[in-house]
Amino acid sequence: MTVQLQIAIDCRDPLTLADFWAKALGYRVEAGIPDGWAAVVDPGEHGPRLLFHRVPEGKIVKNRLHLDVRVGGPRGTAKQIRRPLVDADAERLRGLGATHLRTEDDEADYFVVMQDPEGNEFCLC
């Protein structure tokens, strides 16, 4: 039996983060969520549900878990093909409020490390 995966994210402003991640992933904001909470879902029902819940404290240290957002094609796609796709999406997400932290480019891989509007790190690869 398979199980469904939901990723829960602590935050100060659930609606703002839900809006950001819905646009970032092509998800939709789920209706009917109680105050202090928000969620986004994959309209194709393939990806995990992201649940955002309000907590009183802000983010203090580096994430122990982060999302890898695969925008550069299937695993194994050549780096020279992935690079412009990753860079274009990094620019798009900056326009939505994300922050670019660094770009990793070596012989084996290419990815961009970013933060969402509340400082949660994620990678575009």
Protein backbone atom coordinates (compact mmCIF):
# COMPACT_ATOMS: atom_id res chain seq x y z
CA MET A 1 0.00 0.00 0.00
CA THR A 2 1.35 3.43 -0.90
CA VAL A 3 0.95 6.39 1.43
CA GLN A 4 0.47 10.05 0.69
CA LEU A 5 3.14 12.56 1.64
CA GLN A 6 2.32 15.95 3.11
CA ILE A 7 5.06 18.44 3.91
CA ALA A 8 4.27 20.71 6.87
CA ILE A 9 6.05 24.07 7.07
CA ASP A 10 6.12 26.36 10.13
CA CYS A 11 5.77 30.04 9.23
CA ARG A 12 4.65 33.50 10.34
CA ASP A 13 2.27 34.11 7.42
CA PRO A 14 0.67 30.94 6.02
CA LEU A 15 -1.32 32.71 3.29
CA THR A 16 1.73 34.53 1.90
CA LEU A 17 3.81 31.35 1.78
CA ALA A 18 0.95 29.35 0.29
CA ASP A 19 0.59 31.94 -2.46
CA PHE A 20 4.35 31.89 -3.16
CA TRP A 21 4.61 28.09 -3.29
CA ALA A 22 1.43 27.71 -5.37
CA LYS A 23 2.96 30.01 -8.00
CA ALA A 24 6.41 28.44 -7.68
CA LEU A 25 5.15 24.89 -8.20
CA GLY A 26 2.10 25.41 -10.40
CA TYR A 27 -0.09 24.21 -7.50
CA ARG A 28 -3.36 25.72 -6.32
CA VAL A 29 -4.20 27.12 -2.90
CA GLU A 30 -6.64 24.78 -1.18
CA ALA A 31 -9.92 26.37 -0.07
CA GLY A 32 -11.61 25.91 3.29
CA ILE A 33 -8.54 25.80 5.53
CA PRO A 34 -9.00 27.17 9.10
CA ASP A 35 -7.42 30.50 10.14
CA GLY A 36 -3.73 30.21 10.95
CA TRP A 37 -3.26 27.51 8.34
CA ALA A 38 -2.99 27.32 4.55
CA ALA A 39 -2.28 24.54 2.08
CA VAL A 40 -1.39 24.08 -1.57
CA VAL A 41 -2.08 21.02 -3.68
CA ASP A 42 -0.95 19.67 -7.02
CA PRO A 43 -3.89 20.03 -9.42
CA GLY A 44 -2.72 16.82 -11.12
CA GLU A 45 -2.70 15.01 -7.75
CA HIS A 46 0.86 13.72 -8.23
CA GLY A 47 2.93 15.90 -5.91
CA PRO A 48 2.70 16.20 -2.14
CA ARG A 49 0.39 18.63 -0.36
CA LEU A 50 2.23 21.50 1.36
CA LEU A 51 0.67 22.59 4.66
CA PHE A 52 1.64 25.92 6.20
CA HIS A 53 0.86 26.60 9.84
CA ARG A 54 1.45 29.74 11.86
CA VAL A 55 3.98 29.60 14.70
CA PRO A 56 5.04 32.49 16.94
CA GLU A 57 8.79 32.28 16.31
CA GLY A 58 10.61 33.11 13.09
CA LYS A 59 13.17 30.92 11.35
CA ILE A 60 16.47 31.06 13.24
CA VAL A 61 18.92 28.56 11.74
CA LYS A 62 19.47 26.61 8.53
CA ASN A 63 16.75 24.13 7.54
CA ARG A 64 17.35 20.50 8.47
CA LEU A 65 15.16 19.51 5.53
CA HIS A 66 14.68 21.37 2.26
CA LEU A 67 12.77 20.99 -0.98
CA ASP A 68 14.54 20.23 -4.27
CA VAL A 69 12.42 21.73 -7.04
CA ARG A 70 13.36 19.90 -10.23
CA VAL A 71 12.91 22.34 -13.12
CA GLY A 72 15.80 21.20 -15.31
CA GLY A 73 14.23 18.10 -16.77
CA PRO A 74 14.36 14.45 -15.71
CA ARG A 75 17.21 13.13 -13.60
CA GLY A 76 20.26 12.62 -15.79
CA THR A 77 19.53 15.55 -18.13
CA ALA A 78 22.81 17.09 -19.29
CA LYS A 79 24.03 20.07 -17.28
CA GLN A 80 24.23 22.32 -20.35
CA ILE A 81 20.51 21.70 -20.96
CA ARG A 82 19.52 22.13 -17.30
CA ARG A 83 21.49 25.34 -16.66
CA PRO A 84 19.31 27.77 -18.70
CA LEU A 85 16.11 26.14 -17.37
CA VAL A 86 17.27 26.45 -13.75
CA ASP A 87 18.49 30.02 -14.26
CA ALA A 88 15.21 31.09 -15.89
CA ASP A 89 13.17 29.65 -13.03
CA ALA A 90 15.47 31.25 -10.44
CA GLU A 91 14.78 34.62 -12.07
CA ARG A 92 11.03 33.95 -12.11
CA LEU A 93 11.05 33.02 -8.41
CA ARG A 94 13.05 36.13 -7.51
CA GLY A 95 10.17 38.07 -9.04
CA LEU A 96 7.79 36.23 -6.68
CA GLY A 97 9.83 37.15 -3.59
CA ALA A 98 12.48 34.43 -3.35
CA THR A 99 16.11 35.26 -2.57
CA HIS A 100 19.10 33.82 -4.44
CA LEU A 101 21.72 32.49 -2.00
CA ARG A 102 24.26 30.83 -4.28
CA THR A 103 24.80 28.86 -7.46
CA GLU A 104 26.63 25.53 -7.40
CA ASP A 105 28.34 24.65 -10.68
CA ASP A 106 30.90 21.85 -10.80
CA GLU A 107 31.84 18.96 -13.08
CA ALA A 108 28.93 16.82 -11.89
CA ASP A 109 26.05 19.16 -11.15
CA TYR A 110 24.37 22.55 -11.49
CA PHE A 111 21.80 23.92 -9.06
CA VAL A 112 20.72 27.16 -7.40
CA VAL A 113 20.11 27.53 -3.66
CA MET A 114 17.33 29.99 -2.81
CA GLN A 115 15.12 31.07 0.08
CA ASP A 116 11.36 31.51 0.06
CA PRO A 117 9.89 34.80 1.41
CA GLU A 118 10.33 33.60 5.03
CA GLY A 119 13.91 32.39 4.58
CA ASN A 120 13.34 28.64 4.11
CA GLU A 121 16.07 27.26 1.85
CA PHE A 122 15.26 25.25 -1.26
CA CYS A 123 17.18 24.16 -4.34
CA LEU A 124 16.35 24.52 -8.01
CA CYS A 125 17.93 21.68 -9.94
